[in-house]
């Protein structure tokens, strides 16, 4: 082979490499851009503060006007499966175990606070709990497993209200109020995202508060029977506090909140714990503004609120914004599939 023919071959090879690189660069750039939300049409304008993700195909959302929706095809279609005669209820939380079994919580004083359960995908519902205390107001629910769960309520006459179940939500009983520290004046939970109570493992549970002198997180290490309170650095006002908690392990957790009346104000709205919620510290770099929902995605974390979404890839220490759309809550499965939901019927699945 002559030197000229070798040179031609090199030029041809260079052209081929350049073409291949041009094809690869867009893909690399897209991956580097990070996660994005892919909206799924729900055909409704209800506000979905309740969300339970099962996998990439099955998810439940609950919200205003008695609305409960379920998808089994990744959000392509949604079935309205709420309890009958519930149009006047606000379903602020839903906890599903699969495509057929779920519980939903409605909020409000007195008998507006209710828990329903279905075992047939919403074709029929059983009223499992109806609140009979005029001053009681229940905010959110969470389960340790398919049998054991908790429902967190606001204090009544200075004493917290928490319900427990051991039969998958079919029946509920009140945890003795004497098992809690006294509530602070003005202290309450926020029914903003269905995430004011969280569990990790078989015994650890937490619930979040605001409105008092300090924003607090209460922890139970015995399955919800006894509780201790810890202060957080988050702002606490009638419209501010800890709105959501999420734990990757019983030791590592995130608390998010801020002031929903001033959602863009750069107030302290996030804190981390590495000791089961005993102490909380503000991360070196946190999202700006109010955040109402948070979820772990493996070692990463996603936070959402009415002014946007943020992601952390280092355990919550540093965050960056990746979306400016409004969401109230977020839920991720152990397979790292994440869903988000919010006002005006917005539901999305995370890509990337």
Protein backbone atom coordinates (compact mmCIF):
# COMPACT_ATOMS: atom_id res chain seq x y z
CA UNK A 1 0.00 0.00 0.00
CA UNK A 2 1.28 3.46 -0.92
CA UNK A 3 1.57 6.39 1.47
CA UNK A 4 -1.16 8.26 -0.47
CA UNK A 5 -3.61 5.35 -0.13
CA UNK A 6 -2.81 5.10 3.60
CA UNK A 7 -3.56 8.81 3.95
CA UNK A 8 -6.88 8.38 2.20
CA UNK A 9 -7.79 5.55 4.54
CA UNK A 10 -6.95 7.71 7.56
CA UNK A 11 -9.12 10.55 6.22
CA UNK A 12 -12.04 8.15 5.67
CA UNK A 13 -11.60 6.75 9.18
CA UNK A 14 -11.58 10.28 10.57
CA UNK A 15 -14.84 11.06 8.82
CA UNK A 16 -16.44 7.89 10.21
CA UNK A 17 -15.30 8.72 13.76
CA UNK A 18 -16.60 12.27 13.43
CA UNK A 19 -20.01 11.03 12.27
CA UNK A 20 -20.20 8.55 15.15
CA UNK A 21 -19.27 11.24 17.66
CA UNK A 22 -21.90 13.58 16.26
CA UNK A 23 -24.50 10.87 16.84
CA UNK A 24 -23.33 10.22 20.39
CA UNK A 25 -23.01 13.80 21.60
CA UNK A 26 -26.77 14.56 21.77
CA UNK A 27 -27.33 11.45 23.86
CA UNK A 28 -24.51 12.33 26.21
CA UNK A 29 -25.77 15.90 26.53
CA UNK A 30 -29.29 14.69 27.28
CA UNK A 31 -28.05 12.36 30.02
CA UNK A 32 -25.94 15.11 31.50
CA UNK A 33 -29.00 17.34 31.67
CA UNK A 34 -30.32 15.18 34.49
CA UNK A 35 -33.86 14.13 35.32
CA UNK A 36 -37.00 15.52 33.72
CA UNK A 37 -40.71 15.16 34.48
CA UNK A 38 -42.91 13.61 31.79
CA UNK A 39 -46.49 14.77 32.34
CA UNK A 40 -49.36 12.28 32.18
CA UNK A 41 -52.84 13.55 31.35
CA UNK A 42 -55.40 12.70 34.04
CA UNK A 43 -58.40 14.42 32.49
CA UNK A 44 -59.22 16.31 35.69
CA UNK A 45 -58.39 19.58 37.43
CA UNK A 46 -58.37 18.10 40.94
CA UNK A 47 -55.42 18.90 43.18
CA UNK A 48 -53.56 15.70 43.98
CA UNK A 49 -51.74 15.98 47.31
CA UNK A 50 -51.93 12.21 47.87
CA UNK A 51 -49.73 9.89 45.82
CA UNK A 52 -48.65 6.26 46.08
CA UNK A 53 -46.29 4.78 43.47
CA UNK A 54 -46.15 1.00 43.08
CA UNK A 55 -43.94 0.73 39.99
CA UNK A 56 -43.60 2.22 36.53
CA UNK A 57 -47.11 1.15 35.54
CA UNK A 58 -49.20 1.28 38.71
CA UNK A 59 -49.82 4.43 40.76
CA UNK A 60 -52.65 5.95 42.80
CA UNK A 61 -53.39 9.66 43.37
CA UNK A 62 -55.94 11.28 45.66
CA UNK A 63 -57.10 14.83 46.18
CA UNK A 64 -59.84 17.41 46.10
CA UNK A 65 -63.53 16.86 45.39
CA UNK A 66 -63.35 13.26 46.63
CA UNK A 67 -61.13 12.29 43.69
CA UNK A 68 -59.10 9.07 43.68
CA UNK A 69 -57.48 7.90 40.43
CA UNK A 70 -55.55 4.75 39.58
CA UNK A 71 -53.42 3.85 36.58
CA UNK A 72 -52.14 0.42 35.63
CA UNK A 73 -50.50 1.40 32.32
CA UNK A 74 -47.94 4.00 33.33
CA UNK A 75 -50.33 6.94 33.28
CA UNK A 76 -51.66 6.47 29.74
CA UNK A 77 -55.15 6.01 31.14
CA UNK A 78 -56.66 6.67 34.57
CA UNK A 79 -59.71 5.18 36.26
CA UNK A 80 -61.74 7.20 38.75
CA UNK A 81 -62.02 4.80 41.68
CA UNK A 82 -62.91 6.96 44.69
CA UNK A 83 -65.42 5.99 47.36
CA UNK A 84 -69.06 6.72 46.42
CA UNK A 85 -70.78 9.81 47.82
CA UNK A 86 -67.38 11.35 48.72
CA UNK A 87 -67.46 14.45 46.49
CA UNK A 88 -67.30 16.74 49.51
CA UNK A 89 -64.19 15.12 50.99
CA UNK A 90 -60.54 16.12 50.62
CA UNK A 91 -58.44 12.98 50.15
CA UNK A 92 -55.02 14.31 51.12
CA UNK A 93 -53.25 10.94 51.31
CA UNK A 94 -53.36 7.51 49.72
CA UNK A 95 -51.22 4.50 50.59
CA UNK A 96 -51.42 1.61 48.14
CA UNK A 97 -49.91 -1.85 48.48
CA UNK A 98 -50.51 -2.97 44.89
CA UNK A 99 -52.99 -2.39 42.07
CA UNK A 100 -55.89 -3.61 44.21
CA UNK A 101 -55.26 -2.82 47.89
CA UNK A 102 -55.12 0.76 49.16
CA UNK A 103 -56.24 3.11 51.92
CA UNK A 104 -57.20 6.76 51.49
CA UNK A 105 -57.40 9.48 54.14
CA UNK A 106 -59.73 12.46 54.03
CA UNK A 107 -58.98 15.48 56.19
CA UNK A 108 -61.00 17.94 58.22
CA UNK A 109 -62.37 18.53 61.69
CA UNK A 110 -64.78 16.04 63.16
CA UNK A 111 -66.14 13.31 60.94
CA UNK A 112 -64.58 14.82 57.80
CA UNK A 113 -61.41 12.96 58.87
CA UNK A 114 -61.94 9.42 57.59
CA UNK A 115 -60.01 6.40 56.36
CA UNK A 116 -61.37 4.14 53.65
CA UNK A 117 -59.94 0.84 52.42
CA UNK A 118 -60.32 -1.09 49.15
CA UNK A 119 -59.16 -4.57 48.18
CA UNK A 120 -60.51 -4.63 44.63
CA UNK A 121 -58.86 -1.67 42.97
CA UNK A 122 -61.48 0.84 44.08
CA UNK A 123 -64.59 -0.98 42.85
CA UNK A 124 -65.78 -0.97 46.45
CA UNK A 125 -64.62 0.72 49.65
CA UNK A 126 -65.05 0.07 53.36
CA UNK A 127 -65.13 2.94 55.84
CA UNK A 128 -62.42 1.83 58.27
CA UNK A 129 -62.31 4.92 60.50
CA UNK A 130 -64.56 7.92 61.04
CA UNK A 131 -63.33 10.54 63.50
CA UNK A 132 -65.73 11.29 66.34
CA UNK A 133 -63.71 14.02 68.12
CA UNK A 134 -64.94 17.45 67.12
CA UNK A 135 -61.50 19.08 67.51
CA UNK A 136 -59.45 16.25 65.97
CA UNK A 137 -58.00 16.64 62.47
CA UNK A 138 -55.99 13.87 60.77
CA UNK A 139 -53.33 14.78 58.21
CA UNK A 140 -51.55 11.79 56.65
CA UNK A 141 -50.84 8.05 56.83
CA UNK A 142 -47.83 5.75 56.36
CA UNK A 143 -47.23 2.02 56.67
CA UNK A 144 -44.31 -0.05 57.94
CA UNK A 145 -45.48 -3.01 55.81
CA UNK A 146 -48.74 -4.36 54.38
CA UNK A 147 -50.21 -4.80 57.87
CA UNK A 148 -48.90 -2.13 60.23
CA UNK A 149 -49.47 1.58 59.75
CA UNK A 150 -49.99 4.96 61.41
CA UNK A 151 -52.22 7.98 60.81
CA UNK A 152 -50.99 11.29 62.24
CA UNK A 153 -53.36 13.94 63.55
CA UNK A 154 -53.13 17.41 65.05
CA UNK A 155 -53.06 17.86 68.82
CA UNK A 156 -56.32 18.12 70.77
CA UNK A 157 -56.07 20.16 73.97
CA UNK A 158 -52.28 19.91 73.84
CA UNK A 159 -52.12 16.16 73.17
CA UNK A 160 -51.18 14.58 69.84
CA UNK A 161 -53.53 12.23 68.05
CA UNK A 162 -52.03 9.23 66.23
CA UNK A 163 -53.90 6.13 65.08
CA UNK A 164 -52.37 2.70 64.52
CA UNK A 165 -53.44 -0.34 62.53
CA UNK A 166 -52.13 -3.91 62.48
CA UNK A 167 -54.50 -5.37 59.89
CA UNK A 168 -53.66 -3.43 56.77
CA UNK A 169 -55.91 -0.48 57.55
CA UNK A 170 -59.11 -2.43 58.13
CA UNK A 171 -59.34 -1.15 61.71
CA UNK A 172 -57.64 1.66 63.66
CA UNK A 173 -57.07 2.47 67.31
CA UNK A 174 -55.78 5.55 69.10
CA UNK A 175 -52.22 5.48 70.46
CA UNK A 176 -52.48 6.64 74.11
CA UNK A 177 -51.93 10.44 74.12
CA UNK A 178 -49.80 10.03 77.25
CA UNK A 179 -47.17 8.31 75.06
CA UNK A 180 -46.30 11.66 73.44
CA UNK A 181 -44.55 14.77 74.72
CA UNK A 182 -46.88 17.75 75.19
CA UNK A 183 -47.66 19.68 72.04
CA UNK A 184 -46.44 23.24 71.73
CA UNK A 185 -48.94 26.07 71.58
CA UNK A 186 -50.12 26.38 67.99
CA UNK A 187 -48.30 23.19 66.89
CA UNK A 188 -49.89 21.03 64.18
CA UNK A 189 -49.15 18.97 61.12
CA UNK A 190 -49.51 20.04 57.49
CA UNK A 191 -51.76 17.99 55.22
CA UNK A 192 -49.94 19.28 52.14
CA UNK A 193 -48.36 16.20 50.60
CA UNK A 194 -49.30 13.05 52.51
CA UNK A 195 -45.74 13.00 53.84
CA UNK A 196 -46.01 14.48 57.33
CA UNK A 197 -45.54 10.94 58.67
CA UNK A 198 -42.91 8.45 57.45
CA UNK A 199 -41.56 5.02 58.35
CA UNK A 200 -38.34 3.11 57.77
CA UNK A 201 -37.80 -0.51 58.67
CA UNK A 202 -40.10 -2.41 61.03
CA UNK A 203 -39.96 -0.09 64.04
CA UNK A 204 -38.98 3.50 63.20
CA UNK A 205 -41.51 6.22 62.44
CA UNK A 206 -41.49 10.02 62.38
CA UNK A 207 -44.04 12.79 62.05
CA UNK A 208 -43.49 16.47 61.33
CA UNK A 209 -44.98 19.65 62.74
CA UNK A 210 -44.94 23.41 62.50
CA UNK A 211 -46.87 26.37 63.78
CA UNK A 212 -45.35 26.33 67.26
CA UNK A 213 -42.30 28.00 68.76
CA UNK A 214 -40.11 25.56 66.80
CA UNK A 215 -40.65 23.18 63.90
CA UNK A 216 -40.28 19.68 65.27
CA UNK A 217 -39.98 16.06 64.20
CA UNK A 218 -41.24 13.37 66.58
CA UNK A 219 -39.68 9.90 66.45
CA UNK A 220 -40.81 6.47 67.58
CA UNK A 221 -38.43 3.53 67.74
CA UNK A 222 -41.00 0.97 68.86
CA UNK A 223 -43.49 0.87 66.00
CA UNK A 224 -45.41 3.99 66.93
CA UNK A 225 -46.18 3.31 70.58
CA UNK A 226 -43.90 5.87 72.26
CA UNK A 227 -42.54 9.14 70.89
CA UNK A 228 -39.83 11.74 71.50
CA UNK A 229 -39.57 15.21 69.96
CA UNK A 230 -36.58 16.95 68.39
CA UNK A 231 -36.27 20.55 67.28
CA UNK A 232 -35.31 21.34 63.68
CA UNK A 233 -33.79 24.55 62.26
CA UNK A 234 -36.72 25.02 59.86
CA UNK A 235 -38.80 28.16 60.12
CA UNK A 236 -41.95 27.73 62.24
CA UNK A 237 -45.02 29.95 61.83
CA UNK A 238 -48.75 29.29 61.43
CA UNK A 239 -47.94 28.83 57.72
CA UNK A 240 -44.46 27.36 58.14
CA UNK A 241 -42.72 24.30 59.53
CA UNK A 242 -41.75 20.80 58.48
CA UNK A 243 -44.15 19.65 55.76
CA UNK A 244 -42.59 16.32 54.81
CA UNK A 245 -40.06 13.80 56.06
CA UNK A 246 -38.41 10.91 54.23
CA UNK A 247 -35.91 8.35 55.48
CA UNK A 248 -33.56 6.31 53.34
CA UNK A 249 -32.66 4.16 56.36
CA UNK A 250 -33.74 4.42 60.00
CA UNK A 251 -30.72 6.70 60.46
CA UNK A 252 -30.59 8.92 57.38
CA UNK A 253 -33.44 11.34 56.73
CA UNK A 254 -34.53 14.60 55.13
CA UNK A 255 -37.08 17.13 56.35
CA UNK A 256 -38.48 19.78 54.00
CA UNK A 257 -40.82 22.70 54.42
CA UNK A 258 -40.66 26.46 54.56
CA UNK A 259 -43.51 28.96 54.44
CA UNK A 260 -46.37 28.13 52.08
CA UNK A 261 -47.66 31.71 52.39
CA UNK A 262 -44.33 32.96 50.98
CA UNK A 263 -43.24 30.11 48.70
CA UNK A 264 -40.36 31.96 47.03
CA UNK A 265 -38.79 33.43 50.19
CA UNK A 266 -35.26 32.08 50.88
CA UNK A 267 -36.08 30.82 54.38
CA UNK A 268 -34.63 27.71 56.00
CA UNK A 269 -36.71 24.96 54.43
CA UNK A 270 -34.60 21.82 54.62
CA UNK A 271 -32.63 19.84 57.18
CA UNK A 272 -30.80 16.51 57.33
CA UNK A 273 -30.32 13.93 60.07
CA UNK A 274 -27.90 11.04 60.39
CA UNK A 275 -28.99 9.85 63.84
CA UNK A 276 -32.66 8.80 63.47
CA UNK A 277 -33.91 12.35 63.82
CA UNK A 278 -32.27 13.15 67.14
CA UNK A 279 -30.56 16.21 65.65
CA UNK A 280 -31.08 18.09 62.38
CA UNK A 281 -28.70 20.28 60.36
CA UNK A 282 -29.17 22.56 57.38
CA UNK A 283 -27.32 21.21 54.31
CA UNK A 284 -24.49 23.25 52.73
CA UNK A 285 -26.70 23.97 49.72
CA UNK A 286 -30.49 23.69 49.87
CA UNK A 287 -33.39 24.46 47.51
CA UNK A 288 -34.65 28.04 47.56
CA UNK A 289 -38.24 28.42 48.66
CA UNK A 290 -41.00 26.27 50.06
CA UNK A 291 -40.92 22.53 49.39
CA UNK A 292 -43.84 20.31 50.38
CA UNK A 293 -42.67 16.84 49.27
CA UNK A 294 -39.48 14.80 49.32
CA UNK A 295 -38.47 11.25 48.43
CA UNK A 296 -35.33 9.14 48.24
CA UNK A 297 -34.31 7.63 44.92
CA UNK A 298 -31.53 5.29 45.97
CA UNK A 299 -28.72 7.54 47.15
CA UNK A 300 -30.28 10.52 45.39
CA UNK A 301 -33.24 12.58 46.57
CA UNK A 302 -36.02 14.56 44.91
CA UNK A 303 -37.80 17.54 46.49
CA UNK A 304 -40.90 19.23 45.03
CA UNK A 305 -43.07 22.25 45.70
CA UNK A 306 -45.31 24.75 43.94
CA UNK A 307 -42.31 26.63 42.51
CA UNK A 308 -40.30 23.70 41.18
CA UNK A 309 -38.36 20.48 41.69
CA UNK A 310 -34.81 19.85 42.89
CA UNK A 311 -32.44 16.90 42.89
CA UNK A 312 -29.54 15.92 45.13
CA UNK A 313 -27.08 13.20 44.16
CA UNK A 314 -25.01 13.30 47.36
CA UNK A 315 -27.47 12.34 50.07
CA UNK A 316 -29.12 15.74 50.38
CA UNK A 317 -26.06 17.88 50.97
CA UNK A 318 -26.20 19.79 47.68
CA UNK A 319 -29.21 20.46 45.45
CA UNK A 320 -29.94 21.85 42.01
CA UNK A 321 -33.22 22.82 40.37
CA UNK A 322 -34.29 20.80 37.34
CA UNK A 323 -37.93 21.83 36.80
CA UNK A 324 -40.07 24.92 37.48
CA UNK A 325 -43.48 23.25 37.30
CA UNK A 326 -45.76 22.97 40.34
CA UNK A 327 -46.03 19.71 42.30
CA UNK A 328 -47.22 19.01 45.83
CA UNK A 329 -45.80 15.57 46.46
CA UNK A 330 -43.39 12.96 45.11
CA UNK A 331 -43.01 9.21 45.64
CA UNK A 332 -40.27 6.85 44.48
CA UNK A 333 -40.25 3.05 44.48
CA UNK A 334 -37.37 0.79 45.48
CA UNK A 335 -36.76 0.35 41.74
CA UNK A 336 -36.03 4.13 41.52
CA UNK A 337 -39.27 4.88 39.64
CA UNK A 338 -40.57 8.30 40.75
CA UNK A 339 -43.98 9.91 40.33
CA UNK A 340 -45.12 13.42 41.28
CA UNK A 341 -48.54 15.03 41.54
CA UNK A 342 -50.09 18.40 42.30
CA UNK A 343 -52.60 21.06 41.35
CA UNK A 344 -54.75 21.14 38.21
CA UNK A 345 -54.60 17.37 37.82
CA UNK A 346 -50.82 17.37 37.28
CA UNK A 347 -49.17 13.94 37.45
CA UNK A 348 -45.74 13.09 36.04
CA UNK A 349 -43.17 10.30 35.87
CA UNK A 350 -39.46 11.02 36.23
CA UNK A 351 -37.11 10.25 33.35
CA UNK A 352 -33.34 10.32 33.54
